[in-house]
PDB file of N, CA and C in Angstrom:
ATOM      1  N   UNK A   1      -4.580  -4.736  24.195  1.00  0.00           N
ATOM      2  CA  UNK A   1      -3.665  -3.636  23.948  1.00  0.00           C
ATOM      3  C   UNK A   1      -3.019  -4.280  22.896  1.00  0.00           C
ATOM      4  N   UNK A   2      -2.352  -3.812  21.863  1.00  0.00           N
ATOM      5  CA  UNK A   2      -1.599  -4.809  20.373  1.00  0.00           C
ATOM      6  C   UNK A   2      -0.447  -4.346  20.975  1.00  0.00           C
ATOM      7  N   UNK A   3       0.240  -5.147  20.086  1.00  0.00           N
ATOM      8  CA  UNK A   3       0.928  -5.469  19.604  1.00  0.00           C
ATOM      9  C   UNK A   3       1.759  -4.587  18.467  1.00  0.00           C
ATOM     10  N   UNK A   4       2.459  -3.294  18.893  1.00  0.00           N
ATOM     11  CA  UNK A   4       3.113  -2.147  18.196  1.00  0.00           C
ATOM     12  C   UNK A   4       4.059  -2.338  17.513  1.00  0.00           C
ATOM     13  N   UNK A   5       5.110  -3.132  17.871  1.00  0.00           N
ATOM     14  CA  UNK A   5       6.133  -3.514  17.286  1.00  0.00           C
ATOM     15  C   UNK A   5       5.990  -4.383  15.784  1.00  0.00           C
ATOM     16  N   UNK A   6       4.738  -5.662  16.068  1.00  0.00           N
ATOM     17  CA  UNK A   6       4.537  -5.687  15.050  1.00  0.00           C
ATOM     18  C   UNK A   6       3.591  -5.630  13.976  1.00  0.00           C
ATOM     19  N   UNK A   7       3.027  -4.283  14.344  1.00  0.00           N
ATOM     20  CA  UNK A   7       2.265  -3.851  13.277  1.00  0.00           C
ATOM     21  C   UNK A   7       3.296  -2.368  12.583  1.00  0.00           C
ATOM     22  N   UNK A   8       4.339  -2.099  13.069  1.00  0.00           N
ATOM     23  CA  UNK A   8       5.481  -1.439  12.314  1.00  0.00           C
ATOM     24  C   UNK A   8       6.162  -2.108  11.531  1.00  0.00           C
ATOM     25  N   UNK A   9       6.167  -3.359  11.812  1.00  0.00           N
ATOM     26  CA  UNK A   9       6.463  -4.141  10.950  1.00  0.00           C
ATOM     27  C   UNK A   9       6.038  -4.493   9.357  1.00  0.00           C
ATOM     28  N   UNK A  10       5.015  -4.557   9.420  1.00  0.00           N
ATOM     29  CA  UNK A  10       4.250  -4.614   9.054  1.00  0.00           C
ATOM     30  C   UNK A  10       3.279  -3.591   8.419  1.00  0.00           C
ATOM     31  N   UNK A  11       3.331  -2.645   8.500  1.00  0.00           N
ATOM     32  CA  UNK A  11       3.762  -0.890   7.596  1.00  0.00           C
ATOM     33  C   UNK A  11       5.479  -0.705   7.242  1.00  0.00           C
ATOM     34  N   UNK A  12       6.177  -1.419   7.135  1.00  0.00           N
ATOM     35  CA  UNK A  12       7.536  -1.463   6.581  1.00  0.00           C
ATOM     36  C   UNK A  12       7.585  -2.726   5.711  1.00  0.00           C
ATOM     37  N   UNK A  13       7.018  -3.314   5.310  1.00  0.00           N
ATOM     38  CA  UNK A  13       6.609  -4.906   4.505  1.00  0.00           C
ATOM     39  C   UNK A  13       5.913  -3.971   3.597  1.00  0.00           C
ATOM     40  N   UNK A  14       4.648  -3.531   4.187  1.00  0.00           N
ATOM     41  CA  UNK A  14       3.344  -2.908   3.040  1.00  0.00           C
ATOM     42  C   UNK A  14       4.454  -1.075   2.154  1.00  0.00           C
ATOM     43  N   UNK A  15       5.586  -0.914   2.410  1.00  0.00           N
ATOM     44  CA  UNK A  15       6.138   0.497   1.998  1.00  0.00           C
ATOM     45  C   UNK A  15       6.985  -0.125   0.429  1.00  0.00           C
ATOM     46  N   UNK A  16       7.438  -1.405   1.190  1.00  0.00           N
ATOM     47  CA  UNK A  16       8.218  -1.846  -0.162  1.00  0.00           C
ATOM     48  C   UNK A  16       6.855  -2.257  -1.062  1.00  0.00           C
ATOM     49  N   UNK A  17       6.010  -2.761  -1.512  1.00  0.00           N
ATOM     50  CA  UNK A  17       4.925  -3.429  -2.324  1.00  0.00           C
ATOM     51  C   UNK A  17       5.449  -2.181  -3.475  1.00  0.00           C
ATOM     52  N   UNK A  18       5.301  -2.780  -4.553  1.00  0.00           N
ATOM     53  CA  UNK A  18       5.413  -2.345  -6.001  1.00  0.00           C
ATOM     54  C   UNK A  18       4.212  -2.381  -6.500  1.00  0.00           C
ATOM     55  N   UNK A  19       3.716  -1.025  -7.791  1.00  0.00           N
ATOM     56  CA  UNK A  19       2.319  -1.101  -7.970  1.00  0.00           C
ATOM     57  C   UNK A  19       2.079  -3.519  -8.761  1.00  0.00           C
ATOM     58  N   UNK A  20       2.692  -3.164  -9.304  1.00  0.00           N
ATOM     59  CA  UNK A  20       2.072  -4.954  -9.664  1.00  0.00           C
ATOM     60  C   UNK A  20       2.035  -5.849  -8.550  1.00  0.00           C
ATOM     61  N   UNK A  21       2.845  -5.514  -7.300  1.00  0.00           N
ATOM     62  CA  UNK A  21       2.638  -6.469  -6.387  1.00  0.00           C
ATOM     63  C   UNK A  21       0.984  -6.130  -5.711  1.00  0.00           C
ATOM     64  N   UNK A  22       0.741  -4.818  -5.503  1.00  0.00           N
ATOM     65  CA  UNK A  22      -0.855  -4.833  -5.364  1.00  0.00           C
ATOM     66  C   UNK A  22      -1.936  -4.332  -6.315  1.00  0.00           C
ATOM     67  N   UNK A  23      -1.259  -4.847  -7.808  1.00  0.00           N
ATOM     68  CA  UNK A  23      -2.454  -5.487  -8.485  1.00  0.00           C
ATOM     69  C   UNK A  23      -2.537  -6.944  -8.978  1.00  0.00           C
ATOM     70  N   UNK A  24      -1.404  -7.465  -7.888  1.00  0.00           N
ATOM     71  CA  UNK A  24      -1.645  -9.023  -8.129  1.00  0.00           C
ATOM     72  C   UNK A  24      -2.418  -9.476  -6.216  1.00  0.00           C
ATOM     73  N   UNK A  25      -2.212  -9.053  -5.461  1.00  0.00           N
ATOM     74  CA  UNK A  25      -3.387  -9.028  -4.386  1.00  0.00           C
ATOM     75  C   UNK A  25      -4.147  -8.313  -4.692  1.00  0.00           C
ATOM     76  N   UNK A  26      -4.522  -7.154  -5.402  1.00  0.00           N
ATOM     77  CA  UNK A  26      -6.148  -7.130  -6.054  1.00  0.00           C
ATOM     78  C   UNK A  26      -6.780  -8.460  -6.591  1.00  0.00           C
ATOM     79  N   UNK A  27      -6.363  -8.744  -7.648  1.00  0.00           N
ATOM     80  CA  UNK A  27      -6.798 -10.038  -8.096  1.00  0.00           C
ATOM     81  C   UNK A  27      -6.868 -11.598  -7.797  1.00  0.00           C
ATOM     82  N   UNK A  28      -6.188 -11.568  -6.537  1.00  0.00           N
ATOM     83  CA  UNK A  28      -6.178 -13.082  -6.314  1.00  0.00           C
ATOM     84  C   UNK A  28      -6.878 -12.774  -4.260  1.00  0.00           C
ATOM     85  N   UNK A  29      -7.130 -11.547  -4.250  1.00  0.00           N
ATOM     86  CA  UNK A  29      -8.048 -11.199  -2.956  1.00  0.00           C
ATOM     87  C   UNK A  29      -9.252 -12.506  -3.064  1.00  0.00           C
ATOM     88  N   UNK A  30      -9.000 -12.625  -2.032  1.00  0.00           N
ATOM     89  CA  UNK A  30     -10.301 -14.217  -1.801  1.00  0.00           C
ATOM     90  C   UNK A  30     -11.685 -13.620  -1.752  1.00  0.00           C
ATOM     91  N   UNK A  31     -11.594 -12.530  -0.678  1.00  0.00           N
ATOM     92  CA  UNK A  31     -13.486 -11.858  -0.372  1.00  0.00           C
ATOM     93  C   UNK A  31     -13.229 -10.324  -1.333  1.00  0.00           C
ATOM     94  N   UNK A  32     -14.557  -9.829  -1.605  1.00  0.00           N
ATOM     95  CA  UNK A  32     -14.346  -8.633  -1.869  1.00  0.00           C
ATOM     96  C   UNK A  32     -13.576  -7.419  -0.424  1.00  0.00           C
ATOM     97  N   UNK A  33     -13.759  -7.934   0.412  1.00  0.00           N
ATOM     98  CA  UNK A  33     -13.398  -6.657   1.778  1.00  0.00           C
ATOM     99  C   UNK A  33     -11.389  -6.673   1.255  1.00  0.00           C
ATOM    100  N   UNK A  34     -11.153  -7.679   1.113  1.00  0.00           N
ATOM    101  CA  UNK A  34     -10.028  -7.894   0.818  1.00  0.00           C
ATOM    102  C   UNK A  34      -9.114  -7.164  -0.274  1.00  0.00           C
ATOM    103  N   UNK A  35     -10.264  -7.200  -1.385  1.00  0.00           N
ATOM    104  CA  UNK A  35      -9.908  -6.591  -2.887  1.00  0.00           C
ATOM    105  C   UNK A  35      -9.817  -5.158  -2.271  1.00  0.00           C
ATOM    106  N   UNK A  36     -10.461  -4.906  -1.783  1.00  0.00           N
ATOM    107  CA  UNK A  36     -11.404  -3.807  -1.329  1.00  0.00           C
ATOM    108  C   UNK A  36     -10.285  -2.947  -0.197  1.00  0.00           C
ATOM    109  N   UNK A  37      -9.245  -3.420   0.254  1.00  0.00           N
ATOM    110  CA  UNK A  37      -7.990  -3.515   1.179  1.00  0.00           C
ATOM    111  C   UNK A  37      -6.759  -2.805   0.758  1.00  0.00           C
ATOM    112  N   UNK A  38      -6.782  -3.904  -0.284  1.00  0.00           N
ATOM    113  CA  UNK A  38      -5.967  -3.868  -1.223  1.00  0.00           C
ATOM    114  C   UNK A  38      -5.451  -2.693  -2.380  1.00  0.00           C
ATOM    115  N   UNK A  39      -7.068  -2.747  -2.507  1.00  0.00           N
ATOM    116  CA  UNK A  39      -6.969  -1.518  -3.801  1.00  0.00           C
ATOM    117  C   UNK A  39      -6.646  -0.067  -2.500  1.00  0.00           C
ATOM    118  N   UNK A  40      -6.809  -0.168  -1.224  1.00  0.00           N
ATOM    119  CA  UNK A  40      -6.907   1.156  -0.922  1.00  0.00           C
ATOM    120  C   UNK A  40      -5.718   0.966  -0.416  1.00  0.00           C
ATOM    121  N   UNK A  41      -4.316  -0.436  -0.371  1.00  0.00           N
ATOM    122  CA  UNK A  41      -2.497  -0.376  -0.277  1.00  0.00           C
ATOM    123  C   UNK A  41      -2.426   0.684  -0.850  1.00  0.00           C
ATOM    124  N   UNK A  42      -3.028   0.094  -2.464  1.00  0.00           N
ATOM    125  CA  UNK A  42      -1.939   0.807  -2.954  1.00  0.00           C
ATOM    126  C   UNK A  42      -2.368   2.647  -3.626  1.00  0.00           C
ATOM    127  N   UNK A  43      -3.993   2.635  -3.573  1.00  0.00           N
ATOM    128  CA  UNK A  43      -3.353   4.163  -3.728  1.00  0.00           C
ATOM    129  C   UNK A  43      -2.921   4.837  -2.193  1.00  0.00           C
ATOM    130  N   UNK A  44      -2.727   4.157  -1.696  1.00  0.00           N
ATOM    131  CA  UNK A  44      -1.879   5.083  -0.676  1.00  0.00           C
ATOM    132  C   UNK A  44      -1.083   5.054  -1.752  1.00  0.00           C
ATOM    133  N   UNK A  45       0.331   4.211  -1.160  1.00  0.00           N
ATOM    134  CA  UNK A  45       1.332   4.266  -1.850  1.00  0.00           C
ATOM    135  C   UNK A  45       1.588   4.985  -3.260  1.00  0.00           C
ATOM    136  N   UNK A  46       0.557   4.700  -4.127  1.00  0.00           N
ATOM    137  CA  UNK A  46       0.582   5.809  -4.931  1.00  0.00           C
ATOM    138  C   UNK A  46       0.951   7.426  -4.301  1.00  0.00           C
ATOM    139  N   UNK A  47      -0.489   7.516  -3.527  1.00  0.00           N
ATOM    140  CA  UNK A  47      -0.355   8.887  -2.853  1.00  0.00           C
ATOM    141  C   UNK A  47       1.051   9.075  -2.653  1.00  0.00           C
ATOM    142  N   UNK A  48       1.477   8.833  -1.532  1.00  0.00           N
ATOM    143  CA  UNK A  48       3.065   8.742  -1.275  1.00  0.00           C
ATOM    144  C   UNK A  48       3.445   9.394  -2.626  1.00  0.00           C
ATOM    145  N   UNK A  49       3.797   8.403  -3.320  1.00  0.00           N
ATOM    146  CA  UNK A  49       4.406   8.945  -4.535  1.00  0.00           C
ATOM    147  C   UNK A  49       4.061   9.796  -5.160  1.00  0.00           C
ATOM    148  N   UNK A  50       3.229  10.245  -5.772  1.00  0.00           N
ATOM    149  CA  UNK A  50       2.732  11.592  -6.042  1.00  0.00           C
ATOM    150  C   UNK A  50       2.956  12.714  -4.852  1.00  0.00           C
ATOM    151  N   UNK A  51       2.917  12.574  -3.736  1.00  0.00           N
ATOM    152  CA  UNK A  51       3.287  13.721  -2.730  1.00  0.00           C
ATOM    153  C   UNK A  51       4.921  13.957  -2.800  1.00  0.00           C
ATOM    154  N   UNK A  52       5.668  13.141  -3.225  1.00  0.00           N
ATOM    155  CA  UNK A  52       7.116  14.164  -3.139  1.00  0.00           C
ATOM    156  C   UNK A  52       7.612  13.750  -4.649  1.00  0.00           C
ATOM    157  N   UNK A  53       6.788  13.837  -5.594  1.00  0.00           N
ATOM    158  CA  UNK A  53       7.283  13.899  -7.168  1.00  0.00           C
ATOM    159  C   UNK A  53       6.838  16.079  -7.343  1.00  0.00           C
ATOM    160  N   UNK A  54       5.697  15.937  -5.983  1.00  0.00           N
ATOM    161  CA  UNK A  54       4.627  17.099  -6.481  1.00  0.00           C
ATOM    162  C   UNK A  54       6.277  18.095  -5.898  1.00  0.00           C
ATOM    163  N   UNK A  55       6.431  17.864  -4.348  1.00  0.00           N
ATOM    164  CA  UNK A  55       7.453  18.213  -3.671  1.00  0.00           C
ATOM    165  C   UNK A  55       9.044  18.751  -4.049  1.00  0.00           C
ATOM    166  N   UNK A  56       8.992  17.653  -5.008  1.00  0.00           N
ATOM    167  CA  UNK A  56      10.241  17.578  -5.648  1.00  0.00           C
ATOM    168  C   UNK A  56       9.668  18.370  -8.025  1.00  0.00           C
ATOM    169  N   UNK A  57       8.841  19.202  -7.858  1.00  0.00           N
ATOM    170  CA  UNK A  57       8.660  19.742  -8.783  1.00  0.00           C
ATOM    171  C   UNK A  57       9.000  19.186  -9.459  1.00  0.00           C
ATOM    172  N   UNK A  58       8.354  17.670 -10.197  1.00  0.00           N
ATOM    173  CA  UNK A  58       8.722  17.067 -11.008  1.00  0.00           C
ATOM    174  C   UNK A  58       8.052  16.632 -12.047  1.00  0.00           C
ATOM    175  N   UNK A  59       7.005  17.292 -11.707  1.00  0.00           N
ATOM    176  CA  UNK A  59       5.854  16.942 -13.302  1.00  0.00           C
ATOM    177  C   UNK A  59       5.581  18.382 -13.666  1.00  0.00           C
TER     178      UNK A  59
END
């Protein structure tokens, strides 16, 4: 069984990332798999922001 609390904390930390942070992670990734993971994280965070903008009719 996984440590759910640990992953909740990781999620909270990931949510704090700025676009430039995810770009840095992508550029400095050691493997292709890591690079793809960081790209997905960046996409996820961007989608969350886009959803908020759409909900507020700010576009």
